[in-house]
Amino acid sequence: MKKVFVLVGTTLGSSLGWWLGSASGLMGSFIASMIGFGVGMYYGAQLARRLDG
């Protein structure tokens, strides 16, 4: 189940980062997407651990 939460977290985080960074061009979008990817991975894993008990 952890892999599903990490997958969803990284997808949402990187998409949100790309959208937020789009105002600053392609490189800004990429950097913001990578930051969002990391944040989504962290919180997806945390949520999975919390729900597993």
PDB file of N, CA and C in Angstrom:
ATOM      1  N   MET A   1       0.818  -1.195   0.000  1.00  0.00           N
ATOM      2  CA  MET A   1       0.000   0.000   0.000  1.00  0.00           C
ATOM      3  C   MET A   1       0.863   1.261   0.000  1.00  0.00           C
ATOM      4  N   LYS A   2       2.054   1.136   0.594  1.00  0.00           N
ATOM      5  CA  LYS A   2       2.941   2.294   0.665  1.00  0.00           C
ATOM      6  C   LYS A   2       3.307   2.791  -0.731  1.00  0.00           C
ATOM      7  N   LYS A   3       3.533   1.870  -1.650  1.00  0.00           N
ATOM      8  CA  LYS A   3       3.932   2.262  -3.000  1.00  0.00           C
ATOM      9  C   LYS A   3       2.836   3.067  -3.699  1.00  0.00           C
ATOM     10  N   VAL A   4       1.590   2.733  -3.433  1.00  0.00           N
ATOM     11  CA  VAL A   4       0.472   3.463  -4.044  1.00  0.00           C
ATOM     12  C   VAL A   4       0.423   4.890  -3.515  1.00  0.00           C
ATOM     13  N   PHE A   5       0.570   5.048  -2.205  1.00  0.00           N
ATOM     14  CA  PHE A   5       0.537   6.383  -1.625  1.00  0.00           C
ATOM     15  C   PHE A   5       1.727   7.220  -2.091  1.00  0.00           C
ATOM     16  N   VAL A   6       2.896   6.604  -2.206  1.00  0.00           N
ATOM     17  CA  VAL A   6       4.064   7.329  -2.701  1.00  0.00           C
ATOM     18  C   VAL A   6       3.854   7.724  -4.159  1.00  0.00           C
ATOM     19  N   LEU A   7       3.292   6.823  -4.967  1.00  0.00           N
ATOM     20  CA  LEU A   7       3.031   7.128  -6.370  1.00  0.00           C
ATOM     21  C   LEU A   7       2.061   8.295  -6.520  1.00  0.00           C
ATOM     22  N   VAL A   8       0.983   8.258  -5.764  1.00  0.00           N
ATOM     23  CA  VAL A   8       0.003   9.341  -5.831  1.00  0.00           C
ATOM     24  C   VAL A   8       0.608  10.643  -5.312  1.00  0.00           C
ATOM     25  N   GLY A   9       1.366  10.573  -4.233  1.00  0.00           N
ATOM     26  CA  GLY A   9       1.994  11.768  -3.675  1.00  0.00           C
ATOM     27  C   GLY A   9       2.986  12.402  -4.625  1.00  0.00           C
ATOM     28  N   THR A  10       3.811  11.574  -5.276  1.00  0.00           N
ATOM     29  CA  THR A  10       4.788  12.127  -6.207  1.00  0.00           C
ATOM     30  C   THR A  10       4.120  12.701  -7.450  1.00  0.00           C
ATOM     31  N   THR A  11       3.065  12.052  -7.912  1.00  0.00           N
ATOM     32  CA  THR A  11       2.355  12.566  -9.087  1.00  0.00           C
ATOM     33  C   THR A  11       1.714  13.919  -8.788  1.00  0.00           C
ATOM     34  N   LEU A  12       1.021  13.999  -7.657  1.00  0.00           N
ATOM     35  CA  LEU A  12       0.378  15.261  -7.300  1.00  0.00           C
ATOM     36  C   LEU A  12       1.401  16.353  -6.987  1.00  0.00           C
ATOM     37  N   GLY A  13       2.444  15.985  -6.259  1.00  0.00           N
ATOM     38  CA  GLY A  13       3.465  16.966  -5.893  1.00  0.00           C
ATOM     39  C   GLY A  13       4.212  17.517  -7.094  1.00  0.00           C
ATOM     40  N   SER A  14       4.600  16.651  -8.007  1.00  0.00           N
ATOM     41  CA  SER A  14       5.334  17.135  -9.173  1.00  0.00           C
ATOM     42  C   SER A  14       4.433  17.917 -10.119  1.00  0.00           C
ATOM     43  N   SER A  15       3.187  17.518 -10.234  1.00  0.00           N
ATOM     44  CA  SER A  15       2.254  18.273 -11.081  1.00  0.00           C
ATOM     45  C   SER A  15       1.999  19.667 -10.515  1.00  0.00           C
ATOM     46  N   LEU A  16       1.805  19.730  -9.227  1.00  0.00           N
ATOM     47  CA  LEU A  16       1.593  21.029  -8.581  1.00  0.00           C
ATOM     48  C   LEU A  16       2.839  21.904  -8.709  1.00  0.00           C
ATOM     49  N   GLY A  17       4.007  21.308  -8.523  1.00  0.00           N
ATOM     50  CA  GLY A  17       5.248  22.058  -8.678  1.00  0.00           C
ATOM     51  C   GLY A  17       5.428  22.574 -10.091  1.00  0.00           C
ATOM     52  N   TRP A  18       5.116  21.747 -11.071  1.00  0.00           N
ATOM     53  CA  TRP A  18       5.238  22.172 -12.470  1.00  0.00           C
ATOM     54  C   TRP A  18       4.304  23.348 -12.744  1.00  0.00           C
ATOM     55  N   TRP A  19       3.087  23.249 -12.239  1.00  0.00           N
ATOM     56  CA  TRP A  19       2.106  24.313 -12.449  1.00  0.00           C
ATOM     57  C   TRP A  19       2.556  25.612 -11.771  1.00  0.00           C
ATOM     58  N   LEU A  20       3.061  25.498 -10.548  1.00  0.00           N
ATOM     59  CA  LEU A  20       3.510  26.692  -9.833  1.00  0.00           C
ATOM     60  C   LEU A  20       4.757  27.309 -10.473  1.00  0.00           C
ATOM     61  N   GLY A  21       5.644  26.482 -11.008  1.00  0.00           N
ATOM     62  CA  GLY A  21       6.868  26.994 -11.601  1.00  0.00           C
ATOM     63  C   GLY A  21       6.730  27.423 -13.040  1.00  0.00           C
ATOM     64  N   SER A  22       5.584  27.221 -13.644  1.00  0.00           N
ATOM     65  CA  SER A  22       5.408  27.515 -15.062  1.00  0.00           C
ATOM     66  C   SER A  22       5.544  29.005 -15.385  1.00  0.00           C
ATOM     67  N   ALA A  23       5.333  29.860 -14.415  1.00  0.00           N
ATOM     68  CA  ALA A  23       5.455  31.298 -14.662  1.00  0.00           C
ATOM     69  C   ALA A  23       6.911  31.700 -14.902  1.00  0.00           C
ATOM     70  N   SER A  24       7.858  30.900 -14.426  1.00  0.00           N
ATOM     71  CA  SER A  24       9.270  31.268 -14.565  1.00  0.00           C
ATOM     72  C   SER A  24       9.982  30.509 -15.682  1.00  0.00           C
ATOM     73  N   GLY A  25       9.247  29.835 -16.521  1.00  0.00           N
ATOM     74  CA  GLY A  25       9.854  29.165 -17.669  1.00  0.00           C
ATOM     75  C   GLY A  25      10.061  27.680 -17.448  1.00  0.00           C
ATOM     76  N   LEU A  26      10.698  27.061 -18.426  1.00  0.00           N
ATOM     77  CA  LEU A  26      10.873  25.613 -18.419  1.00  0.00           C
ATOM     78  C   LEU A  26      11.769  25.143 -17.279  1.00  0.00           C
ATOM     79  N   MET A  27      12.884  25.809 -17.061  1.00  0.00           N
ATOM     80  CA  MET A  27      13.792  25.376 -15.998  1.00  0.00           C
ATOM     81  C   MET A  27      13.173  25.581 -14.620  1.00  0.00           C
ATOM     82  N   GLY A  28      12.451  26.674 -14.437  1.00  0.00           N
ATOM     83  CA  GLY A  28      11.755  26.894 -13.171  1.00  0.00           C
ATOM     84  C   GLY A  28      10.694  25.846 -12.923  1.00  0.00           C
ATOM     85  N   SER A  29       9.998  25.453 -13.974  1.00  0.00           N
ATOM     86  CA  SER A  29       8.992  24.400 -13.855  1.00  0.00           C
ATOM     87  C   SER A  29       9.634  23.083 -13.462  1.00  0.00           C
ATOM     88  N   PHE A  30      10.767  22.781 -14.090  1.00  0.00           N
ATOM     89  CA  PHE A  30      11.461  21.529 -13.788  1.00  0.00           C
ATOM     90  C   PHE A  30      11.930  21.490 -12.340  1.00  0.00           C
ATOM     91  N   ILE A  31      12.538  22.573 -11.884  1.00  0.00           N
ATOM     92  CA  ILE A  31      13.052  22.618 -10.510  1.00  0.00           C
ATOM     93  C   ILE A  31      11.906  22.528  -9.510  1.00  0.00           C
ATOM     94  N   ALA A  32      10.843  23.277  -9.737  1.00  0.00           N
ATOM     95  CA  ALA A  32       9.697  23.225  -8.835  1.00  0.00           C
ATOM     96  C   ALA A  32       9.047  21.840  -8.859  1.00  0.00           C
ATOM     97  N   SER A  33       9.050  21.196 -10.013  1.00  0.00           N
ATOM     98  CA  SER A  33       8.502  19.855 -10.129  1.00  0.00           C
ATOM     99  C   SER A  33       9.317  18.854  -9.320  1.00  0.00           C
ATOM    100  N   MET A  34      10.630  18.975  -9.343  1.00  0.00           N
ATOM    101  CA  MET A  34      11.484  18.068  -8.579  1.00  0.00           C
ATOM    102  C   MET A  34      11.321  18.288  -7.074  1.00  0.00           C
ATOM    103  N   ILE A  35      11.159  19.534  -6.677  1.00  0.00           N
ATOM    104  CA  ILE A  35      10.909  19.809  -5.256  1.00  0.00           C
ATOM    105  C   ILE A  35       9.560  19.230  -4.848  1.00  0.00           C
ATOM    106  N   GLY A  36       8.539  19.428  -5.688  1.00  0.00           N
ATOM    107  CA  GLY A  36       7.223  18.858  -5.417  1.00  0.00           C
ATOM    108  C   GLY A  36       7.251  17.346  -5.391  1.00  0.00           C
ATOM    109  N   PHE A  37       8.082  16.734  -6.241  1.00  0.00           N
ATOM    110  CA  PHE A  37       8.240  15.288  -6.261  1.00  0.00           C
ATOM    111  C   PHE A  37       8.746  14.788  -4.912  1.00  0.00           C
ATOM    112  N   GLY A  38       9.779  15.441  -4.399  1.00  0.00           N
ATOM    113  CA  GLY A  38      10.342  15.043  -3.108  1.00  0.00           C
ATOM    114  C   GLY A  38       9.369  15.227  -1.963  1.00  0.00           C
ATOM    115  N   VAL A  39       8.669  16.341  -1.969  1.00  0.00           N
ATOM    116  CA  VAL A  39       7.688  16.610  -0.917  1.00  0.00           C
ATOM    117  C   VAL A  39       6.538  15.598  -0.992  1.00  0.00           C
ATOM    118  N   GLY A  40       6.080  15.309  -2.207  1.00  0.00           N
ATOM    119  CA  GLY A  40       5.010  14.324  -2.373  1.00  0.00           C
ATOM    120  C   GLY A  40       5.430  12.934  -1.957  1.00  0.00           C
ATOM    121  N   MET A  41       6.686  12.583  -2.224  1.00  0.00           N
ATOM    122  CA  MET A  41       7.188  11.276  -1.816  1.00  0.00           C
ATOM    123  C   MET A  41       7.232  11.172  -0.297  1.00  0.00           C
ATOM    124  N   TYR A  42       7.717  12.205   0.341  1.00  0.00           N
ATOM    125  CA  TYR A  42       7.812  12.204   1.796  1.00  0.00           C
ATOM    126  C   TYR A  42       6.435  12.079   2.445  1.00  0.00           C
ATOM    127  N   TYR A  43       5.500  12.943   2.029  1.00  0.00           N
ATOM    128  CA  TYR A  43       4.193  12.923   2.665  1.00  0.00           C
ATOM    129  C   TYR A  43       3.363  11.706   2.270  1.00  0.00           C
ATOM    130  N   GLY A  44       3.578  11.150   1.084  1.00  0.00           N
ATOM    131  CA  GLY A  44       2.914   9.907   0.710  1.00  0.00           C
ATOM    132  C   GLY A  44       3.365   8.759   1.587  1.00  0.00           C
ATOM    133  N   ALA A  45       4.667   8.683   1.858  1.00  0.00           N
ATOM    134  CA  ALA A  45       5.201   7.639   2.738  1.00  0.00           C
ATOM    135  C   ALA A  45       4.720   7.836   4.160  1.00  0.00           C
ATOM    136  N   GLN A  46       4.668   9.086   4.608  1.00  0.00           N
ATOM    137  CA  GLN A  46       4.188   9.370   5.970  1.00  0.00           C
ATOM    138  C   GLN A  46       2.724   8.965   6.137  1.00  0.00           C
ATOM    139  N   LEU A  47       1.919   9.270   5.120  1.00  0.00           N
ATOM    140  CA  LEU A  47       0.507   8.903   5.180  1.00  0.00           C
ATOM    141  C   LEU A  47       0.345   7.389   5.204  1.00  0.00           C
ATOM    142  N   ALA A  48       1.103   6.680   4.378  1.00  0.00           N
ATOM    143  CA  ALA A  48       1.029   5.218   4.350  1.00  0.00           C
ATOM    144  C   ALA A  48       1.441   4.619   5.700  1.00  0.00           C
ATOM    145  N   ARG A  49       2.499   5.173   6.293  1.00  0.00           N
ATOM    146  CA  ARG A  49       2.931   4.665   7.594  1.00  0.00           C
ATOM    147  C   ARG A  49       1.885   4.934   8.668  1.00  0.00           C
ATOM    148  N   ARG A  50       1.250   6.099   8.608  1.00  0.00           N
ATOM    149  CA  ARG A  50       0.241   6.449   9.592  1.00  0.00           C
ATOM    150  C   ARG A  50      -1.002   5.553   9.474  1.00  0.00           C
ATOM    151  N   LEU A  51      -1.391   5.225   8.246  1.00  0.00           N
ATOM    152  CA  LEU A  51      -2.577   4.406   8.047  1.00  0.00           C
ATOM    153  C   LEU A  51      -2.330   2.926   8.317  1.00  0.00           C
ATOM    154  N   ASP A  52      -1.083   2.470   8.180  1.00  0.00           N
ATOM    155  CA  ASP A  52      -0.761   1.070   8.469  1.00  0.00           C
ATOM    156  C   ASP A  52      -0.794   0.791   9.959  1.00  0.00           C
ATOM    157  N   GLY A  53      -0.596   1.797  10.744  1.00  0.00           N
ATOM    158  CA  GLY A  53      -0.723   1.631  12.172  1.00  0.00           C
ATOM    159  C   GLY A  53       0.547   1.347  12.804  1.00  0.00           C
TER     160      GLY A  53
END
